Amino acid sequence: MKKLSLMALLVLVGCTDGQIGKLQALGGQAHIKCWSGDALIYEGHSTGKVSNAGHSDGYYFVDKQDNKLKEVSGNCIVTYSSY
């Protein structure tokens, strides 16, 4: 109920779908794919939210497979699981 109330409030104050989606994805797992040119150089899943490394093309997260911190950069797509 609290999540629904928060979403309703955010919609009323003018948040975009993207902003609402970011809030809903907090703590959620993600699927990450990164390319260098046409070559896939990384594909994996995070244990939680993927963070952006400041004003760069880098991201960092804990990899679900080995539970280690990973840092990637480049052309990456981060897709969050259903929330």
PDB file of N, CA and C in Angstrom:
ATOM      1  N   MET A   1       0.824  -1.191   0.000  1.00  0.00           N
ATOM      2  CA  MET A   1       0.000   0.000   0.000  1.00  0.00           C
ATOM      3  C   MET A   1       0.868   1.256   0.000  1.00  0.00           C
ATOM      4  N   LYS A   2       1.971   1.231   0.778  1.00  0.00           N
ATOM      5  CA  LYS A   2       2.848   2.403   0.827  1.00  0.00           C
ATOM      6  C   LYS A   2       3.471   2.671  -0.533  1.00  0.00           C
ATOM      7  N   LYS A   3       3.850   1.584  -1.258  1.00  0.00           N
ATOM      8  CA  LYS A   3       4.471   1.745  -2.567  1.00  0.00           C
ATOM      9  C   LYS A   3       3.481   2.380  -3.539  1.00  0.00           C
ATOM     10  N   LEU A   4       2.223   1.935  -3.491  1.00  0.00           N
ATOM     11  CA  LEU A   4       1.197   2.490  -4.359  1.00  0.00           C
ATOM     12  C   LEU A   4       0.955   3.957  -4.031  1.00  0.00           C
ATOM     13  N   SER A   5       0.921   4.303  -2.749  1.00  0.00           N
ATOM     14  CA  SER A   5       0.723   5.695  -2.341  1.00  0.00           C
ATOM     15  C   SER A   5       1.871   6.575  -2.805  1.00  0.00           C
ATOM     16  N   LEU A   6       3.114   6.072  -2.703  1.00  0.00           N
ATOM     17  CA  LEU A   6       4.280   6.828  -3.153  1.00  0.00           C
ATOM     18  C   LEU A   6       4.210   7.049  -4.653  1.00  0.00           C
ATOM     19  N   MET A   7       3.850   6.015  -5.403  1.00  0.00           N
ATOM     20  CA  MET A   7       3.740   6.156  -6.850  1.00  0.00           C
ATOM     21  C   MET A   7       2.671   7.172  -7.219  1.00  0.00           C
ATOM     22  N   ALA A   8       1.537   7.118  -6.562  1.00  0.00           N
ATOM     23  CA  ALA A   8       0.456   8.059  -6.853  1.00  0.00           C
ATOM     24  C   ALA A   8       0.890   9.489  -6.563  1.00  0.00           C
ATOM     25  N   LEU A   9       1.589   9.688  -5.467  1.00  0.00           N
ATOM     26  CA  LEU A   9       2.072  11.015  -5.112  1.00  0.00           C
ATOM     27  C   LEU A   9       3.069  11.528  -6.153  1.00  0.00           C
ATOM     28  N   LEU A  10       3.977  10.665  -6.583  1.00  0.00           N
ATOM     29  CA  LEU A  10       4.971  11.076  -7.573  1.00  0.00           C
ATOM     30  C   LEU A  10       4.321  11.450  -8.901  1.00  0.00           C
ATOM     31  N   VAL A  11       3.310  10.708  -9.301  1.00  0.00           N
ATOM     32  CA  VAL A  11       2.606  11.021 -10.544  1.00  0.00           C
ATOM     33  C   VAL A  11       1.929  12.378 -10.423  1.00  0.00           C
ATOM     34  N   LEU A  12       1.348  12.659  -9.280  1.00  0.00           N
ATOM     35  CA  LEU A  12       0.651  13.927  -9.092  1.00  0.00           C
ATOM     36  C   LEU A  12       1.597  15.123  -9.103  1.00  0.00           C
ATOM     37  N   VAL A  13       2.849  14.934  -8.671  1.00  0.00           N
ATOM     38  CA  VAL A  13       3.786  16.059  -8.645  1.00  0.00           C
ATOM     39  C   VAL A  13       4.571  16.173  -9.940  1.00  0.00           C
ATOM     40  N   GLY A  14       4.272  15.362 -10.931  1.00  0.00           N
ATOM     41  CA  GLY A  14       4.835  15.555 -12.256  1.00  0.00           C
ATOM     42  C   GLY A  14       6.083  14.761 -12.583  1.00  0.00           C
ATOM     43  N   CYS A  15       6.343  13.654 -11.935  1.00  0.00           N
ATOM     44  CA  CYS A  15       7.501  12.829 -12.279  1.00  0.00           C
ATOM     45  C   CYS A  15       7.253  12.116 -13.604  1.00  0.00           C
ATOM     46  N   THR A  16       8.326  11.916 -14.345  1.00  0.00           N
ATOM     47  CA  THR A  16       8.217  11.190 -15.607  1.00  0.00           C
ATOM     48  C   THR A  16       8.201   9.691 -15.345  1.00  0.00           C
ATOM     49  N   ASP A  17       7.831   8.920 -16.339  1.00  0.00           N
ATOM     50  CA  ASP A  17       7.844   7.462 -16.224  1.00  0.00           C
ATOM     51  C   ASP A  17       9.242   6.961 -15.893  1.00  0.00           C
ATOM     52  N   GLY A  18      10.262   7.584 -16.501  1.00  0.00           N
ATOM     53  CA  GLY A  18      11.643   7.187 -16.239  1.00  0.00           C
ATOM     54  C   GLY A  18      12.042   7.422 -14.793  1.00  0.00           C
ATOM     55  N   GLN A  19      11.652   8.545 -14.237  1.00  0.00           N
ATOM     56  CA  GLN A  19      11.974   8.842 -12.844  1.00  0.00           C
ATOM     57  C   GLN A  19      11.272   7.878 -11.900  1.00  0.00           C
ATOM     58  N   ILE A  20      10.033   7.564 -12.193  1.00  0.00           N
ATOM     59  CA  ILE A  20       9.293   6.616 -11.363  1.00  0.00           C
ATOM     60  C   ILE A  20       9.920   5.233 -11.466  1.00  0.00           C
ATOM     61  N   GLY A  21      10.299   4.841 -12.682  1.00  0.00           N
ATOM     62  CA  GLY A  21      10.951   3.550 -12.884  1.00  0.00           C
ATOM     63  C   GLY A  21      12.250   3.420 -12.101  1.00  0.00           C
ATOM     64  N   LYS A  22      13.037   4.498 -12.055  1.00  0.00           N
ATOM     65  CA  LYS A  22      14.286   4.476 -11.279  1.00  0.00           C
ATOM     66  C   LYS A  22      14.003   4.251  -9.804  1.00  0.00           C
ATOM     67  N   LEU A  23      12.989   4.902  -9.283  1.00  0.00           N
ATOM     68  CA  LEU A  23      12.634   4.719  -7.873  1.00  0.00           C
ATOM     69  C   LEU A  23      12.160   3.300  -7.603  1.00  0.00           C
ATOM     70  N   GLN A  24      11.380   2.749  -8.507  1.00  0.00           N
ATOM     71  CA  GLN A  24      10.868   1.400  -8.323  1.00  0.00           C
ATOM     72  C   GLN A  24      11.979   0.356  -8.405  1.00  0.00           C
ATOM     73  N   ALA A  25      13.043   0.647  -9.144  1.00  0.00           N
ATOM     74  CA  ALA A  25      14.130  -0.317  -9.345  1.00  0.00           C
ATOM     75  C   ALA A  25      15.135  -0.322  -8.196  1.00  0.00           C
ATOM     76  N   LEU A  26      15.023   0.589  -7.251  1.00  0.00           N
ATOM     77  CA  LEU A  26      15.982   0.652  -6.150  1.00  0.00           C
ATOM     78  C   LEU A  26      16.117  -0.707  -5.476  1.00  0.00           C
ATOM     79  N   GLY A  27      17.338  -1.196  -5.414  1.00  0.00           N
ATOM     80  CA  GLY A  27      17.604  -2.473  -4.771  1.00  0.00           C
ATOM     81  C   GLY A  27      17.326  -3.676  -5.643  1.00  0.00           C
ATOM     82  N   GLY A  28      16.781  -3.470  -6.838  1.00  0.00           N
ATOM     83  CA  GLY A  28      16.448  -4.578  -7.721  1.00  0.00           C
ATOM     84  C   GLY A  28      17.642  -5.109  -8.476  1.00  0.00           C
ATOM     85  N   GLN A  29      17.555  -6.361  -8.883  1.00  0.00           N
ATOM     86  CA  GLN A  29      18.610  -6.975  -9.675  1.00  0.00           C
ATOM     87  C   GLN A  29      18.539  -6.476 -11.109  1.00  0.00           C
ATOM     88  N   ALA A  30      19.685  -6.520 -11.796  1.00  0.00           N
ATOM     89  CA  ALA A  30      19.736  -6.048 -13.176  1.00  0.00           C
ATOM     90  C   ALA A  30      20.518  -7.021 -14.044  1.00  0.00           C
ATOM     91  N   HIS A  31      20.210  -7.001 -15.329  1.00  0.00           N
ATOM     92  CA  HIS A  31      20.952  -7.738 -16.339  1.00  0.00           C
ATOM     93  C   HIS A  31      21.791  -6.702 -17.073  1.00  0.00           C
ATOM     94  N   ILE A  32      23.102  -6.941 -17.165  1.00  0.00           N
ATOM     95  CA  ILE A  32      24.020  -5.976 -17.759  1.00  0.00           C
ATOM     96  C   ILE A  32      24.687  -6.593 -18.974  1.00  0.00           C
ATOM     97  N   LYS A  33      24.695  -5.851 -20.092  1.00  0.00           N
ATOM     98  CA  LYS A  33      25.399  -6.263 -21.300  1.00  0.00           C
ATOM     99  C   LYS A  33      26.237  -5.075 -21.759  1.00  0.00           C
ATOM    100  N   CYS A  34      27.529  -5.319 -22.048  1.00  0.00           N
ATOM    101  CA  CYS A  34      28.413  -4.255 -22.522  1.00  0.00           C
ATOM    102  C   CYS A  34      29.114  -4.695 -23.800  1.00  0.00           C
ATOM    103  N   TRP A  35      29.274  -3.756 -24.715  1.00  0.00           N
ATOM    104  CA  TRP A  35      29.917  -4.019 -25.992  1.00  0.00           C
ATOM    105  C   TRP A  35      31.115  -3.107 -26.209  1.00  0.00           C
ATOM    106  N   SER A  36      32.053  -3.616 -26.992  1.00  0.00           N
ATOM    107  CA  SER A  36      33.135  -2.822 -27.553  1.00  0.00           C
ATOM    108  C   SER A  36      32.998  -3.002 -29.058  1.00  0.00           C
ATOM    109  N   GLY A  37      32.512  -1.974 -29.730  1.00  0.00           N
ATOM    110  CA  GLY A  37      32.183  -2.127 -31.144  1.00  0.00           C
ATOM    111  C   GLY A  37      31.050  -3.127 -31.274  1.00  0.00           C
ATOM    112  N   ASP A  38      31.256  -4.158 -32.087  1.00  0.00           N
ATOM    113  CA  ASP A  38      30.238  -5.196 -32.267  1.00  0.00           C
ATOM    114  C   ASP A  38      30.435  -6.374 -31.333  1.00  0.00           C
ATOM    115  N   ALA A  39      31.514  -6.374 -30.543  1.00  0.00           N
ATOM    116  CA  ALA A  39      31.833  -7.518 -29.677  1.00  0.00           C
ATOM    117  C   ALA A  39      31.224  -7.357 -28.287  1.00  0.00           C
ATOM    118  N   LEU A  40      30.493  -8.370 -27.844  1.00  0.00           N
ATOM    119  CA  LEU A  40      29.961  -8.396 -26.482  1.00  0.00           C
ATOM    120  C   LEU A  40      31.127  -8.703 -25.545  1.00  0.00           C
ATOM    121  N   ILE A  41      31.452  -7.778 -24.636  1.00  0.00           N
ATOM    122  CA  ILE A  41      32.610  -7.967 -23.757  1.00  0.00           C
ATOM    123  C   ILE A  41      32.229  -8.327 -22.333  1.00  0.00           C
ATOM    124  N   TYR A  42      30.955  -8.127 -21.962  1.00  0.00           N
ATOM    125  CA  TYR A  42      30.496  -8.533 -20.633  1.00  0.00           C
ATOM    126  C   TYR A  42      29.000  -8.768 -20.684  1.00  0.00           C
ATOM    127  N   GLU A  43      28.568  -9.834 -20.012  1.00  0.00           N
ATOM    128  CA  GLU A  43      27.148 -10.074 -19.795  1.00  0.00           C
ATOM    129  C   GLU A  43      26.996 -10.768 -18.455  1.00  0.00           C
ATOM    130  N   GLY A  44      26.144 -10.226 -17.602  1.00  0.00           N
ATOM    131  CA  GLY A  44      25.936 -10.821 -16.297  1.00  0.00           C
ATOM    132  C   GLY A  44      24.775 -10.175 -15.573  1.00  0.00           C
ATOM    133  N   HIS A  45      24.611 -10.569 -14.308  1.00  0.00           N
ATOM    134  CA  HIS A  45      23.529 -10.062 -13.469  1.00  0.00           C
ATOM    135  C   HIS A  45      24.104  -9.477 -12.180  1.00  0.00           C
ATOM    136  N   SER A  46      23.461  -8.440 -11.689  1.00  0.00           N
ATOM    137  CA  SER A  46      23.877  -7.836 -10.424  1.00  0.00           C
ATOM    138  C   SER A  46      23.045  -8.414  -9.282  1.00  0.00           C
ATOM    139  N   THR A  47      23.573  -8.279  -8.073  1.00  0.00           N
ATOM    140  CA  THR A  47      22.807  -8.685  -6.892  1.00  0.00           C
ATOM    141  C   THR A  47      21.853  -7.585  -6.462  1.00  0.00           C
ATOM    142  N   GLY A  48      22.080  -6.376  -6.932  1.00  0.00           N
ATOM    143  CA  GLY A  48      21.252  -5.223  -6.573  1.00  0.00           C
ATOM    144  C   GLY A  48      21.417  -4.128  -7.601  1.00  0.00           C
ATOM    145  N   LYS A  49      21.201  -2.914  -7.188  1.00  0.00           N
ATOM    146  CA  LYS A  49      21.243  -1.763  -8.086  1.00  0.00           C
ATOM    147  C   LYS A  49      22.625  -1.559  -8.694  1.00  0.00           C
ATOM    148  N   VAL A  50      22.650  -1.166  -9.952  1.00  0.00           N
ATOM    149  CA  VAL A  50      23.871  -0.811 -10.666  1.00  0.00           C
ATOM    150  C   VAL A  50      24.068   0.689 -10.488  1.00  0.00           C
ATOM    151  N   SER A  51      25.265   1.088 -10.077  1.00  0.00           N
ATOM    152  CA  SER A  51      25.540   2.511  -9.845  1.00  0.00           C
ATOM    153  C   SER A  51      26.400   3.077 -10.962  1.00  0.00           C
ATOM    154  N   ASN A  52      26.191   4.347 -11.247  1.00  0.00           N
ATOM    155  CA  ASN A  52      26.959   5.044 -12.270  1.00  0.00           C
ATOM    156  C   ASN A  52      28.194   5.644 -11.622  1.00  0.00           C
ATOM    157  N   ALA A  53      29.321   5.534 -12.286  1.00  0.00           N
ATOM    158  CA  ALA A  53      30.587   6.058 -11.769  1.00  0.00           C
ATOM    159  C   ALA A  53      30.736   7.528 -12.145  1.00  0.00           C
ATOM    160  N   GLY A  54      30.037   8.389 -11.444  1.00  0.00           N
ATOM    161  CA  GLY A  54      30.164   9.833 -11.660  1.00  0.00           C
ATOM    162  C   GLY A  54      29.723  10.257 -13.048  1.00  0.00           C
ATOM    163  N   HIS A  55      30.455  11.171 -13.636  1.00  0.00           N
ATOM    164  CA  HIS A  55      30.132  11.683 -14.966  1.00  0.00           C
ATOM    165  C   HIS A  55      30.984  10.969 -16.003  1.00  0.00           C
ATOM    166  N   SER A  56      30.864   9.652 -16.043  1.00  0.00           N
ATOM    167  CA  SER A  56      31.625   8.857 -17.009  1.00  0.00           C
ATOM    168  C   SER A  56      30.708   7.807 -17.618  1.00  0.00           C
ATOM    169  N   ASP A  57      31.289   6.949 -18.444  1.00  0.00           N
ATOM    170  CA  ASP A  57      30.505   5.860 -19.025  1.00  0.00           C
ATOM    171  C   ASP A  57      30.703   4.573 -18.228  1.00  0.00           C
ATOM    172  N   GLY A  58      31.110   4.699 -16.966  1.00  0.00           N
ATOM    173  CA  GLY A  58      31.377   3.538 -16.133  1.00  0.00           C
ATOM    174  C   GLY A  58      30.252   3.217 -15.167  1.00  0.00           C
ATOM    175  N   TYR A  59      30.165   1.935 -14.837  1.00  0.00           N
ATOM    176  CA  TYR A  59      29.159   1.441 -13.898  1.00  0.00           C
ATOM    177  C   TYR A  59      29.821   0.459 -12.950  1.00  0.00           C
ATOM    178  N   TYR A  60      29.271   0.315 -11.746  1.00  0.00           N
ATOM    179  CA  TYR A  60      29.783  -0.690 -10.826  1.00  0.00           C
ATOM    180  C   TYR A  60      28.634  -1.356 -10.080  1.00  0.00           C
ATOM    181  N   PHE A  61      28.865  -2.626  -9.721  1.00  0.00           N
ATOM    182  CA  PHE A  61      27.829  -3.453  -9.103  1.00  0.00           C
ATOM    183  C   PHE A  61      28.478  -4.728  -8.579  1.00  0.00           C
ATOM    184  N   VAL A  62      27.749  -5.474  -7.772  1.00  0.00           N
ATOM    185  CA  VAL A  62      28.206  -6.776  -7.300  1.00  0.00           C
ATOM    186  C   VAL A  62      27.618  -7.829  -8.232  1.00  0.00           C
ATOM    187  N   ASP A  63      28.506  -8.648  -8.812  1.00  0.00           N
ATOM    188  CA  ASP A  63      28.110  -9.681  -9.758  1.00  0.00           C
ATOM    189  C   ASP A  63      27.443 -10.844  -9.028  1.00  0.00           C
ATOM    190  N   LYS A  64      26.295 -11.261  -9.503  1.00  0.00           N
ATOM    191  CA  LYS A  64      25.524 -12.323  -8.859  1.00  0.00           C
ATOM    192  C   LYS A  64      26.248 -13.672  -8.919  1.00  0.00           C
ATOM    193  N   GLN A  65      27.009 -13.927  -9.978  1.00  0.00           N
ATOM    194  CA  GLN A  65      27.651 -15.224 -10.169  1.00  0.00           C
ATOM    195  C   GLN A  65      28.762 -15.487  -9.164  1.00  0.00           C
ATOM    196  N   ASP A  66      29.624 -14.494  -8.913  1.00  0.00           N
ATOM    197  CA  ASP A  66      30.766 -14.725  -8.014  1.00  0.00           C
ATOM    198  C   ASP A  66      30.776 -13.812  -6.787  1.00  0.00           C
ATOM    199  N   ASN A  67      29.744 -12.976  -6.653  1.00  0.00           N
ATOM    200  CA  ASN A  67      29.604 -12.070  -5.503  1.00  0.00           C
ATOM    201  C   ASN A  67      30.776 -11.094  -5.364  1.00  0.00           C
ATOM    202  N   LYS A  68      31.382 -10.721  -6.492  1.00  0.00           N
ATOM    203  CA  LYS A  68      32.502  -9.777  -6.492  1.00  0.00           C
ATOM    204  C   LYS A  68      32.065  -8.456  -7.116  1.00  0.00           C
ATOM    205  N   LEU A  69      32.704  -7.377  -6.650  1.00  0.00           N
ATOM    206  CA  LEU A  69      32.455  -6.059  -7.213  1.00  0.00           C
ATOM    207  C   LEU A  69      33.017  -6.023  -8.625  1.00  0.00           C
ATOM    208  N   LYS A  70      32.200  -5.586  -9.581  1.00  0.00           N
ATOM    209  CA  LYS A  70      32.634  -5.451 -10.974  1.00  0.00           C
ATOM    210  C   LYS A  70      32.485  -3.998 -11.382  1.00  0.00           C
ATOM    211  N   GLU A  71      33.411  -3.538 -12.203  1.00  0.00           N
ATOM    212  CA  GLU A  71      33.333  -2.216 -12.809  1.00  0.00           C
ATOM    213  C   GLU A  71      33.422  -2.396 -14.309  1.00  0.00           C
ATOM    214  N   VAL A  72      32.497  -1.797 -15.024  1.00  0.00           N
ATOM    215  CA  VAL A  72      32.479  -1.888 -16.475  1.00  0.00           C
ATOM    216  C   VAL A  72      32.336  -0.482 -17.039  1.00  0.00           C
ATOM    217  N   SER A  73      32.754  -0.317 -18.283  1.00  0.00           N
ATOM    218  CA  SER A  73      32.546   0.974 -18.935  1.00  0.00           C
ATOM    219  C   SER A  73      32.343   0.733 -20.414  1.00  0.00           C
ATOM    220  N   GLY A  74      31.811   1.722 -21.063  1.00  0.00           N
ATOM    221  CA  GLY A  74      31.577   1.609 -22.494  1.00  0.00           C
ATOM    222  C   GLY A  74      30.099   1.626 -22.808  1.00  0.00           C
ATOM    223  N   ASN A  75      29.768   0.968 -23.890  1.00  0.00           N
ATOM    224  CA  ASN A  75      28.381   0.898 -24.350  1.00  0.00           C
ATOM    225  C   ASN A  75      27.678  -0.241 -23.621  1.00  0.00           C
ATOM    226  N   CYS A  76      26.986   0.095 -22.555  1.00  0.00           N
ATOM    227  CA  CYS A  76      26.319  -0.906 -21.727  1.00  0.00           C
ATOM    228  C   CYS A  76      24.817  -0.654 -21.685  1.00  0.00           C
ATOM    229  N   ILE A  77      24.088  -1.761 -21.598  1.00  0.00           N
ATOM    230  CA  ILE A  77      22.649  -1.697 -21.395  1.00  0.00           C
ATOM    231  C   ILE A  77      22.357  -2.373 -20.071  1.00  0.00           C
ATOM    232  N   VAL A  78      21.657  -1.665 -19.199  1.00  0.00           N
ATOM    233  CA  VAL A  78      21.286  -2.190 -17.879  1.00  0.00           C
ATOM    234  C   VAL A  78      19.770  -2.320 -17.876  1.00  0.00           C
ATOM    235  N   THR A  79      19.293  -3.551 -17.687  1.00  0.00           N
ATOM    236  CA  THR A  79      17.863  -3.827 -17.663  1.00  0.00           C
ATOM    237  C   THR A  79      17.494  -4.396 -16.307  1.00  0.00           C
ATOM    238  N   TYR A  80      16.602  -3.729 -15.599  1.00  0.00           N
ATOM    239  CA  TYR A  80      16.195  -4.182 -14.276  1.00  0.00           C
ATOM    240  C   TYR A  80      15.096  -5.218 -14.372  1.00  0.00           C
ATOM    241  N   SER A  81      15.138  -6.155 -13.438  1.00  0.00           N
ATOM    242  CA  SER A  81      14.097  -7.185 -13.348  1.00  0.00           C
ATOM    243  C   SER A  81      12.769  -6.510 -13.055  1.00  0.00           C
ATOM    244  N   SER A  82      11.700  -7.268 -13.243  1.00  0.00           N
ATOM    245  CA  SER A  82      10.391  -6.693 -12.955  1.00  0.00           C
ATOM    246  C   SER A  82      10.338  -6.293 -11.494  1.00  0.00           C
ATOM    247  N   TYR A  83       9.725  -5.186 -11.244  1.00  0.00           N
ATOM    248  CA  TYR A  83       9.639  -4.656  -9.900  1.00  0.00           C
ATOM    249  C   TYR A  83       8.233  -4.692  -9.521  1.00  0.00           C
TER     250      TYR A  83
END
